[in-house]
C-alpha atoms as a PDB file:
ATOM      1  CA  MET A   1     140.353 179.456  96.714  1.00  0.00           C
ATOM      2  CA  ALA A   2     138.561 181.483  98.417  1.00  0.00           C
ATOM      3  CA  ARG A   3     140.046 182.490 102.484  1.00  0.00           C
ATOM      4  CA  THR A   4     138.373 183.177 105.699  1.00  0.00           C
ATOM      5  CA  SER A   5     140.198 184.097 109.022  1.00  0.00           C
ATOM      6  CA  ALA A   6     139.305 180.583 110.093  1.00  0.00           C
ATOM      7  CA  GLY A   7     141.482 179.493 107.243  1.00  0.00           C
ATOM      8  CA  ALA A   8     141.007 177.586 104.061  1.00  0.00           C
ATOM      9  CA  VAL A   9     137.911 177.265 102.476  1.00  0.00           C
ATOM     10  CA  GLY A  10     137.234 174.355 100.295  1.00  0.00           C
ATOM     11  CA  ARG A  11     139.048 171.419 100.986  1.00  0.00           C
ATOM     12  CA  HIS A  12     137.546 168.029 102.029  1.00  0.00           C
ATOM     13  CA  ARG A  13     140.048 165.555 104.061  1.00  0.00           C
ATOM     14  CA  ILE A  14     138.347 162.006 103.115  1.00  0.00           C
ATOM     15  CA  GLY A  15     138.987 158.612 103.749  1.00  0.00           C
ATOM     16  CA  LEU A  16     138.771 156.015 100.696  1.00  0.00           C
ATOM     17  CA  LEU A  17     135.523 154.524 101.513  1.00  0.00           C
ATOM     18  CA  PRO A  18     134.067 156.411 103.448  1.00  0.00           C
ATOM     19  CA  LEU A  19     133.611 158.655  99.713  1.00  0.00           C
ATOM     20  CA  ALA A  20     132.575 155.092  98.239  1.00  0.00           C
ATOM     21  CA  ALA A  21     130.451 154.767 100.547  1.00  0.00           C
ATOM     22  CA  SER A  22     128.794 158.554 100.412  1.00  0.00           C
ATOM     23  CA  VAL A  23     128.317 158.284  97.165  1.00  0.00           C
ATOM     24  CA  ALA A  24     127.580 155.229  96.849  1.00  0.00           C
ATOM     25  CA  ARG A  25     124.233 155.994  99.110  1.00  0.00           C
ATOM     26  CA  PRO A  26     121.710 157.240  96.523  1.00  0.00           C
ATOM     27  CA  ALA A  27     122.208 153.550  94.500  1.00  0.00           C
ATOM     28  CA  MET A  28     121.934 151.687  97.106  1.00  0.00           C
ATOM     29  CA  ALA A  29     119.385 153.328  98.215  1.00  0.00           C
ATOM     30  CA  LEU A  30     117.330 153.319  95.517  1.00  0.00           C
ATOM     31  CA  GLN A  31     118.131 149.396  95.235  1.00  0.00           C
ATOM     32  CA  ARG A  32     117.158 148.944  98.387  1.00  0.00           C
ATOM     33  CA  LEU A  33     120.192 147.602  99.763  1.00  0.00           C
ATOM     34  CA  ALA A  34     121.712 147.315 102.974  1.00  0.00           C
ATOM     35  CA  PRO A  35     125.889 147.556 103.681  1.00  0.00           C
ATOM     36  CA  LEU A  36     127.366 144.289 105.264  1.00  0.00           C
ATOM     37  CA  GLY A  37     129.513 144.307 108.603  1.00  0.00           C
ATOM     38  CA  HIS A  38     132.142 142.077 109.816  1.00  0.00           C
ATOM     39  CA  LEU A  39     129.816 140.319 111.762  1.00  0.00           C
ATOM     40  CA  GLY A  40     127.686 140.445 109.688  1.00  0.00           C
ATOM     41  CA  LEU A  41     129.658 138.810 106.442  1.00  0.00           C
ATOM     42  CA  GLU A  42     131.123 135.875 109.448  1.00  0.00           C
ATOM     43  CA  ALA A  43     127.304 134.542 110.079  1.00  0.00           C
ATOM     44  CA  VAL A  44     126.402 135.033 106.478  1.00  0.00           C
ATOM     45  CA  ALA A  45     130.013 133.076 105.369  1.00  0.00           C
ATOM     46  CA  ALA A  46     128.802 129.920 108.398  1.00  0.00           C
ATOM     47  CA  HIS A  47     125.628 129.736 107.085  1.00  0.00           C
ATOM     48  CA  VAL A  48     126.690 129.584 102.794  1.00  0.00           C
ATOM     49  CA  ALA A  49     129.947 126.816 105.013  1.00  0.00           C
ATOM     50  CA  HIS A  50     126.614 124.688 107.167  1.00  0.00           C
ATOM     51  CA  GLN A  51     124.395 124.962 103.578  1.00  0.00           C
ATOM     52  CA  ALA A  52     127.237 123.860 101.081  1.00  0.00           C
ATOM     53  CA  LEU A  53     129.054 121.279 104.229  1.00  0.00           C
ATOM     54  CA  HIS A  54     124.623 119.591 104.568  1.00  0.00           C
ATOM     55  CA  ALA A  55     123.931 119.430 100.968  1.00  0.00           C
ATOM     56  CA  GLY A  56     127.345 116.833 100.047  1.00  0.00           C
ATOM     57  CA  GLU A  57     129.268 120.379  98.014  1.00  0.00           C
ATOM     58  CA  LEU A  58     132.698 119.767 100.047  1.00  0.00           C
ATOM     59  CA  ALA A  59     135.718 117.783  99.578  1.00  0.00           C
ATOM     60  CA  TYR A  60     138.748 119.861 100.361  1.00  0.00           C
ATOM     61  CA  PHE A  61     136.928 122.023 103.127  1.00  0.00           C
ATOM     62  CA  ALA A  62     134.487 118.968 104.636  1.00  0.00           C
ATOM     63  CA  PRO A  63     136.741 118.177 107.839  1.00  0.00           C
ATOM     64  CA  VAL A  64     137.315 121.665 109.202  1.00  0.00           C
ATOM     65  CA  ALA A  65     133.598 123.764 107.544  1.00  0.00           C
ATOM     66  CA  ASP A  66     131.597 123.440 110.576  1.00  0.00           C
ATOM     67  CA  LEU A  67     134.550 123.414 113.120  1.00  0.00           C
ATOM     68  CA  PRO A  68     134.718 126.835 115.212  1.00  0.00           C
ATOM     69  CA  GLY A  69     137.139 129.092 113.723  1.00  0.00           C
ATOM     70  CA  PHE A  70     135.979 128.168 110.039  1.00  0.00           C
ATOM     71  CA  ALA A  71     133.052 130.782 108.926  1.00  0.00           C
ATOM     72  CA  ARG A  72     135.920 133.395 110.554  1.00  0.00           C
ATOM     73  CA  ALA A  73     138.692 132.311 108.060  1.00  0.00           C
ATOM     74  CA  LEU A  74     136.686 132.229 104.974  1.00  0.00           C
ATOM     75  CA  ALA A  75     135.146 135.380 105.706  1.00  0.00           C
ATOM     76  CA  LYS A  76     138.193 136.547 105.239  1.00  0.00           C
ATOM     77  CA  THR A  77     138.592 134.045 101.827  1.00  0.00           C
ATOM     78  CA  LEU A  78     135.878 135.017 100.316  1.00  0.00           C
ATOM     79  CA  ALA A  79     135.968 139.165 100.788  1.00  0.00           C
ATOM     80  CA  GLU A  80     139.254 138.872  98.900  1.00  0.00           C
ATOM     81  CA  LEU A  81     138.283 137.253  96.856  1.00  0.00           C
ATOM     82  CA  ARG A  82     135.197 139.678  95.934  1.00  0.00           C
ATOM     83  CA  LEU A  83     137.588 142.921  96.123  1.00  0.00           C
ATOM     84  CA  ALA A  84     139.824 140.860  94.011  1.00  0.00           C
ATOM     85  CA  ARG A  85     136.950 140.627  91.130  1.00  0.00           C
ATOM     86  CA  ILE A  86     137.303 136.615  91.155  1.00  0.00           C
ATOM     87  CA  GLU A  87     134.233 134.820  90.084  1.00  0.00           C
ATOM     88  CA  PRO A  88     133.486 131.271  90.977  1.00  0.00           C
ATOM     89  CA  GLU A  89     134.915 129.695  87.676  1.00  0.00           C
ATOM     90  CA  ARG A  90     138.277 130.755  87.559  1.00  0.00           C
ATOM     91  CA  LEU A  91     138.879 129.177  90.776  1.00  0.00           C
ATOM     92  CA  ALA A  92     138.238 125.045  89.880  1.00  0.00           C
ATOM     93  CA  SER A  93     142.189 125.691  87.989  1.00  0.00           C
ATOM     94  CA  GLY A  94     143.597 125.429  92.108  1.00  0.00           C
ATOM     95  CA  GLY A  95     142.656 121.818  92.860  1.00  0.00           C
ATOM     96  CA  ALA A  96     140.222 120.889  95.289  1.00  0.00           C
ATOM     97  CA  ALA A  97     140.414 123.165  97.598  1.00  0.00           C
ATOM     98  CA  GLY A  98     139.472 125.495  94.543  1.00  0.00           C
ATOM     99  CA  VAL A  99     136.591 123.723  93.759  1.00  0.00           C
ATOM    100  CA  ASP A 100     135.717 123.627  97.271  1.00  0.00           C
ATOM    101  CA  LEU A 101     136.057 128.021  97.242  1.00  0.00           C
ATOM    102  CA  GLY A 102     134.596 128.709  93.674  1.00  0.00           C
ATOM    103  CA  ARG A 103     131.260 126.937  95.261  1.00  0.00           C
ATOM    104  CA  LEU A 104     130.805 128.516  98.557  1.00  0.00           C
ATOM    105  CA  LEU A 105     131.461 132.248  97.028  1.00  0.00           C
ATOM    106  CA  THR A 106     128.876 130.885  94.454  1.00  0.00           C
ATOM    107  CA  ARG A 107     126.529 131.158  97.730  1.00  0.00           C
ATOM    108  CA  TYR A 108     127.948 133.410  98.789  1.00  0.00           C
ATOM    109  CA  GLN A 109     127.176 135.798  96.133  1.00  0.00           C
ATOM    110  CA  GLU A 110     123.718 134.039  95.499  1.00  0.00           C
ATOM    111  CA  GLU A 111     122.838 134.661  99.849  1.00  0.00           C
ATOM    112  CA  LEU A 112     124.166 138.695  99.289  1.00  0.00           C
ATOM    113  CA  ALA A 113     121.318 138.676  96.747  1.00  0.00           C
ATOM    114  CA  ALA A 114     118.698 137.480  98.164  1.00  0.00           C
ATOM    115  CA  ARG A 115     119.350 139.125 101.759  1.00  0.00           C
ATOM    116  CA  SER A 116     119.502 142.879  99.179  1.00  0.00           C
ATOM    117  CA  LEU A 117     122.953 142.869 101.185  1.00  0.00           C
ATOM    118  CA  VAL A 118     126.054 144.865  99.829  1.00  0.00           C
ATOM    119  CA  ASP A 119     129.404 143.914 101.578  1.00  0.00           C
ATOM    120  CA  LEU A 120     133.124 146.322 100.648  1.00  0.00           C
ATOM    121  CA  SER A 121     133.173 145.164  97.513  1.00  0.00           C
ATOM    122  CA  ALA A 122     130.170 146.018  96.187  1.00  0.00           C
ATOM    123  CA  VAL A 123     130.159 149.217  97.622  1.00  0.00           C
ATOM    124  CA  LEU A 124     133.334 150.194  96.259  1.00  0.00           C
ATOM    125  CA  GLU A 125     131.596 148.381  92.732  1.00  0.00           C
ATOM    126  CA  LEU A 126     128.130 150.745  93.069  1.00  0.00           C
ATOM    127  CA  ALA A 127     130.936 153.880  93.993  1.00  0.00           C
ATOM    128  CA  ALA A 128     133.027 153.633  90.274  1.00  0.00           C
ATOM    129  CA  ARG A 129     129.491 153.401  88.656  1.00  0.00           C
ATOM    130  CA  ALA A 130     128.048 155.796  90.872  1.00  0.00           C
ATOM    131  CA  ALA A 131     131.617 158.630  89.789  1.00  0.00           C
ATOM    132  CA  GLU A 132     131.326 157.865  86.770  1.00  0.00           C
ATOM    133  CA  HIS A 133     128.302 160.314  85.568  1.00  0.00           C
ATOM    134  CA  GLU A 134     126.346 160.881  89.574  1.00  0.00           C
ATOM    135  CA  ARG A 135     126.132 165.036  91.019  1.00  0.00           C
ATOM    136  CA  HIS A 136     128.619 164.040  94.498  1.00  0.00           C
ATOM    137  CA  PRO A 137     130.277 168.037  96.429  1.00  0.00           C
ATOM    138  CA  LEU A 138     133.093 165.337  95.966  1.00  0.00           C
ATOM    139  CA  LEU A 139     132.556 164.275  92.516  1.00  0.00           C
ATOM    140  CA  GLY A 140     134.199 166.905  90.081  1.00  0.00           C
ATOM    141  CA  LEU A 141     137.374 168.115  91.970  1.00  0.00           C
ATOM    142  CA  PRO A 142     140.772 168.721  92.628  1.00  0.00           C
ATOM    143  CA  LEU A 143     142.244 165.150  93.978  1.00  0.00           C
ATOM    144  CA  LEU A 144     144.991 164.536  96.199  1.00  0.00           C
ATOM    145  CA  ARG A 145     145.802 161.396  97.104  1.00  0.00           C
ATOM    146  CA  LEU A 146     147.970 161.302  99.460  1.00  0.00           C
ATOM    147  CA  ASP A 147     149.499 157.916 101.220  1.00  0.00           C
ATOM    148  CA  ALA A 148     146.492 156.309 100.684  1.00  0.00           C
ATOM    149  CA  PRO A 149     147.711 152.785  98.930  1.00  0.00           C
ATOM    150  CA  LEU A 150     144.820 150.938  96.282  1.00  0.00           C
ATOM    151  CA  GLU A 151     144.825 147.931  97.533  1.00  0.00           C
ATOM    152  CA  THR A 152     142.483 145.747  95.362  1.00  0.00           C
ATOM    153  CA  ARG A 153     141.388 145.943  92.107  1.00  0.00           C
ATOM    154  CA  SER A 154     138.121 146.792  93.949  1.00  0.00           C
ATOM    155  CA  HIS A 155     140.167 150.295  95.511  1.00  0.00           C
ATOM    156  CA  ARG A 156     141.466 151.496  92.542  1.00  0.00           C
ATOM    157  CA  GLU A 157     138.427 150.819  89.403  1.00  0.00           C
ATOM    158  CA  PHE A 158     136.179 153.611  92.807  1.00  0.00           C
ATOM    159  CA  PHE A 159     139.503 155.743  92.670  1.00  0.00           C
ATOM    160  CA  GLU A 160     140.732 155.713  88.706  1.00  0.00           C
ATOM    161  CA  ALA A 161     137.124 156.093  88.746  1.00  0.00           C
ATOM    162  CA  VAL A 162     137.072 159.448  90.677  1.00  0.00           C
ATOM    163  CA  ALA A 163     140.383 160.245  88.871  1.00  0.00           C
ATOM    164  CA  ARG A 164     138.196 160.053  85.767  1.00  0.00           C
ATOM    165  CA  ARG A 165     136.486 163.691  87.185  1.00  0.00           C
ATOM    166  CA  ALA A 166     138.692 164.973  88.341  1.00  0.00           C
ATOM    167  CA  PRO A 167     140.501 167.695  86.024  1.00  0.00           C
ATOM    168  CA  GLU A 168     143.941 168.058  88.382  1.00  0.00           C
ATOM    169  CA  VAL A 169     145.333 164.512  89.379  1.00  0.00           C
ATOM    170  CA  LEU A 170     148.137 164.409  92.754  1.00  0.00           C
ATOM    171  CA  GLU A 171     149.567 161.967  93.989  1.00  0.00           C
ATOM    172  CA  MET A 172     151.968 161.586  97.300  1.00  0.00           C
ATOM    173  CA  GLN A 173     153.249 158.522  98.868  1.00  0.00           C
ATOM    174  CA  LEU A 174     155.168 159.578 101.967  1.00  0.00           C
ATOM    175  CA  GLY A 175     158.839 156.871 102.072  1.00  0.00           C
ATOM    176  CA  ASP A 176     161.502 156.635 104.061  1.00  0.00           C
ATOM    177  CA  GLU A 177     162.434 159.831 102.888  1.00  0.00           C
ATOM    178  CA  ASP A 178     159.988 161.552 104.450  1.00  0.00           C
ATOM    179  CA  ALA A 179     161.113 160.615 107.714  1.00  0.00           C
ATOM    180  CA  PRO A 180     162.680 162.995 111.122  1.00  0.00           C
ATOM    181  CA  GLU A 181     166.004 163.064 110.792  1.00  0.00           C
ATOM    182  CA  GLY A 182     166.731 161.472 114.684  1.00  0.00           C
ATOM    183  CA  GLU A 183     163.628 158.967 113.922  1.00  0.00           C
ATOM    184  CA  ASP A 184     163.811 156.953 117.111  1.00  0.00           C
ATOM    185  CA  ALA A 185     162.263 153.664 117.710  1.00  0.00           C
ATOM    186  CA  LEU A 186     159.427 154.730 119.130  1.00  0.00           C
ATOM    187  CA  GLU A 187     158.876 157.038 116.216  1.00  0.00           C
ATOM    188  CA  HIS A 188     159.488 155.037 113.950  1.00  0.00           C
ATOM    189  CA  LEU A 189     156.505 151.817 114.756  1.00  0.00           C
ATOM    190  CA  ARG A 190     153.902 154.969 115.474  1.00  0.00           C
ATOM    191  CA  ARG A 191     154.899 155.460 111.556  1.00  0.00           C
ATOM    192  CA  HIS A 192     154.555 152.408 110.143  1.00  0.00           C
ATOM    193  CA  LEU A 193     152.144 150.402 112.392  1.00  0.00           C
ATOM    194  CA  PHE A 194     150.020 149.475 110.316  1.00  0.00           C
ATOM    195  CA  ALA A 195     151.815 149.572 107.047  1.00  0.00           C
ATOM    196  CA  PRO A 196     151.288 146.726 104.708  1.00  0.00           C
ATOM    197  CA  ALA A 197     155.604 146.839 104.094  1.00  0.00           C
ATOM    198  CA  PRO A 198     157.180 148.645 106.903  1.00  0.00           C
ATOM    199  CA  PRO A 199     160.818 149.317 106.187  1.00  0.00           C
ATOM    200  CA  ALA A 200     163.867 148.917 108.873  1.00  0.00           C
ATOM    201  CA  ALA A 201     164.117 150.509 111.813  1.00  0.00           C
ATOM    202  CA  PRO A 202     166.640 153.496 111.280  1.00  0.00           C
ATOM    203  CA  ASN A 203     168.253 151.823 114.650  1.00  0.00           C
ATOM    204  CA  ARG A 204     169.762 148.297 116.333  1.00  0.00           C
ATOM    205  CA  ASN A 205     167.477 149.917 119.235  1.00  0.00           C
ATOM    206  CA  GLY A 206     164.060 148.071 119.000  1.00  0.00           C
ATOM    207  CA  PHE A 207     160.990 146.575 121.706  1.00  0.00           C
ATOM    208  CA  GLU A 208     161.567 143.716 122.877  1.00  0.00           C
ATOM    209  CA  ILE A 209     158.879 140.897 124.016  1.00  0.00           C
ATOM    210  CA  PHE A 210     159.987 138.847 127.318  1.00  0.00           C
ATOM    211  CA  SER A 211     157.554 137.716 130.246  1.00  0.00           C
ATOM    212  CA  ALA A 212     158.466 137.006 133.463  1.00  0.00           C
ATOM    213  CA  PRO A 213     156.631 134.275 136.146  1.00  0.00           C
ATOM    214  CA  GLY A 214     154.976 136.593 138.312  1.00  0.00           C
ATOM    215  CA  GLU A 215     154.635 140.493 138.655  1.00  0.00           C
ATOM    216  CA  GLY A 216     157.236 140.281 141.445  1.00  0.00           C
ATOM    217  CA  LEU A 217     159.720 138.883 138.262  1.00  0.00           C
ATOM    218  CA  GLU A 218     157.720 141.125 135.787  1.00  0.00           C
ATOM    219  CA  ALA A 219     158.554 144.525 137.854  1.00  0.00           C
ATOM    220  CA  VAL A 220     162.351 143.527 138.577  1.00  0.00           C
ATOM    221  CA  GLU A 221     162.424 143.176 134.491  1.00  0.00           C
ATOM    222  CA  ILE A 222     161.536 146.098 133.299  1.00  0.00           C
ATOM    223  CA  ALA A 223     163.284 147.684 136.515  1.00  0.00           C
ATOM    224  CA  ARG A 224     166.449 146.505 135.035  1.00  0.00           C
ATOM    225  CA  ARG A 225     165.580 147.747 131.163  1.00  0.00           C
ATOM    226  CA  ILE A 226     164.306 151.178 132.775  1.00  0.00           C
ATOM    227  CA  LEU A 227     168.521 151.633 134.299  1.00  0.00           C
ATOM    228  CA  ARG A 228     169.612 149.962 131.337  1.00  0.00           C
ATOM    229  CA  LEU A 229     167.696 152.477 129.637  1.00  0.00           C
ATOM    230  CA  ALA A 230     168.736 155.750 131.270  1.00  0.00           C
ATOM    231  CA  ARG A 231     172.148 154.297 130.828  1.00  0.00           C
ATOM    232  CA  GLU A 232     172.616 154.787 127.691  1.00  0.00           C
ATOM    233  CA  GLY A 233     171.072 158.212 127.926  1.00  0.00           C
ATOM    234  CA  VAL A 234     167.160 158.739 127.717  1.00  0.00           C
ATOM    235  CA  SER A 235     166.199 161.618 129.885  1.00  0.00           C
ATOM    236  CA  SER A 236     163.707 160.835 130.872  1.00  0.00           C
ATOM    237  CA  ILE A 237     160.480 157.873 130.508  1.00  0.00           C
ATOM    238  CA  ARG A 238     156.784 159.347 131.033  1.00  0.00           C
ATOM    239  CA  SER A 239     154.347 156.624 131.584  1.00  0.00           C
ATOM    240  CA  PRO A 240     152.402 156.866 133.901  1.00  0.00           C
ATOM    241  CA  PHE A 241     153.486 152.636 135.472  1.00  0.00           C
ATOM    242  CA  CYS A 242     156.687 153.538 134.744  1.00  0.00           C
ATOM    243  CA  SER A 243     156.906 156.600 136.782  1.00  0.00           C
ATOM    244  CA  ALA A 244     155.631 154.830 140.075  1.00  0.00           C
ATOM    245  CA  LEU A 245     157.987 152.163 139.847  1.00  0.00           C
ATOM    246  CA  ARG A 246     161.048 154.266 139.720  1.00  0.00           C
ATOM    247  CA  SER A 247     159.390 155.817 142.492  1.00  0.00           C
ATOM    248  CA  ALA A 248     158.747 152.447 143.976  1.00  0.00           C
ATOM    249  CA  ILE A 249     162.499 152.308 143.378  1.00  0.00           C
ATOM    250  CA  SER A 250     163.598 154.638 145.078  1.00  0.00           C
ATOM    251  CA  ARG A 251     161.783 154.239 147.909  1.00  0.00           C
END
């Protein structure tokens, strides 16, 4: 690997989804497709729910299809079904709810095609196809997957397509054995905040949620906890609020 005085040259660090978007971009431009964001997904979900409800296609979801929050829940469900590569026909065996979801998924896919839109599932699919044979500056290089979960079938298929182009592939998953000794509850929370299945905290000390009837009593409860932490050996609390509170207590 070439080196300069500034360090190593030739290493690229990128997330799986930004890489997919970059690889799929030429195909999207060629087909004149536009990416669908979260708000757009909710808008399309609300539209297809409204259409299906007024067309009399819904039975199980009919009582709630026009309630606030249904479009958001439907958008999340449709996105998960698409990422899992579930076709509408497979949902028919899931009872009344499955039949309704199949009809909504069909309308959703038709809406995307009619409006030349691509959701995350479609972007990953386009990227996987492009990664098989198209040229891209980040394809065909040695590949390191570092602590990046492949959450769905769509994610896995794209990564596998990229990996097939790579001359070497190394996969690393950081676990509890990589945690520094003496990791406290705050560091444990920081490291595993977005983990789908976080490991148990390394010690019994954790976070406490409490409520108080008013700002005055809330400050008293916070002060009690600060004093308790001080007695347990916490030498400093660097929060600006806690510093101001200590000053108020000392007065």
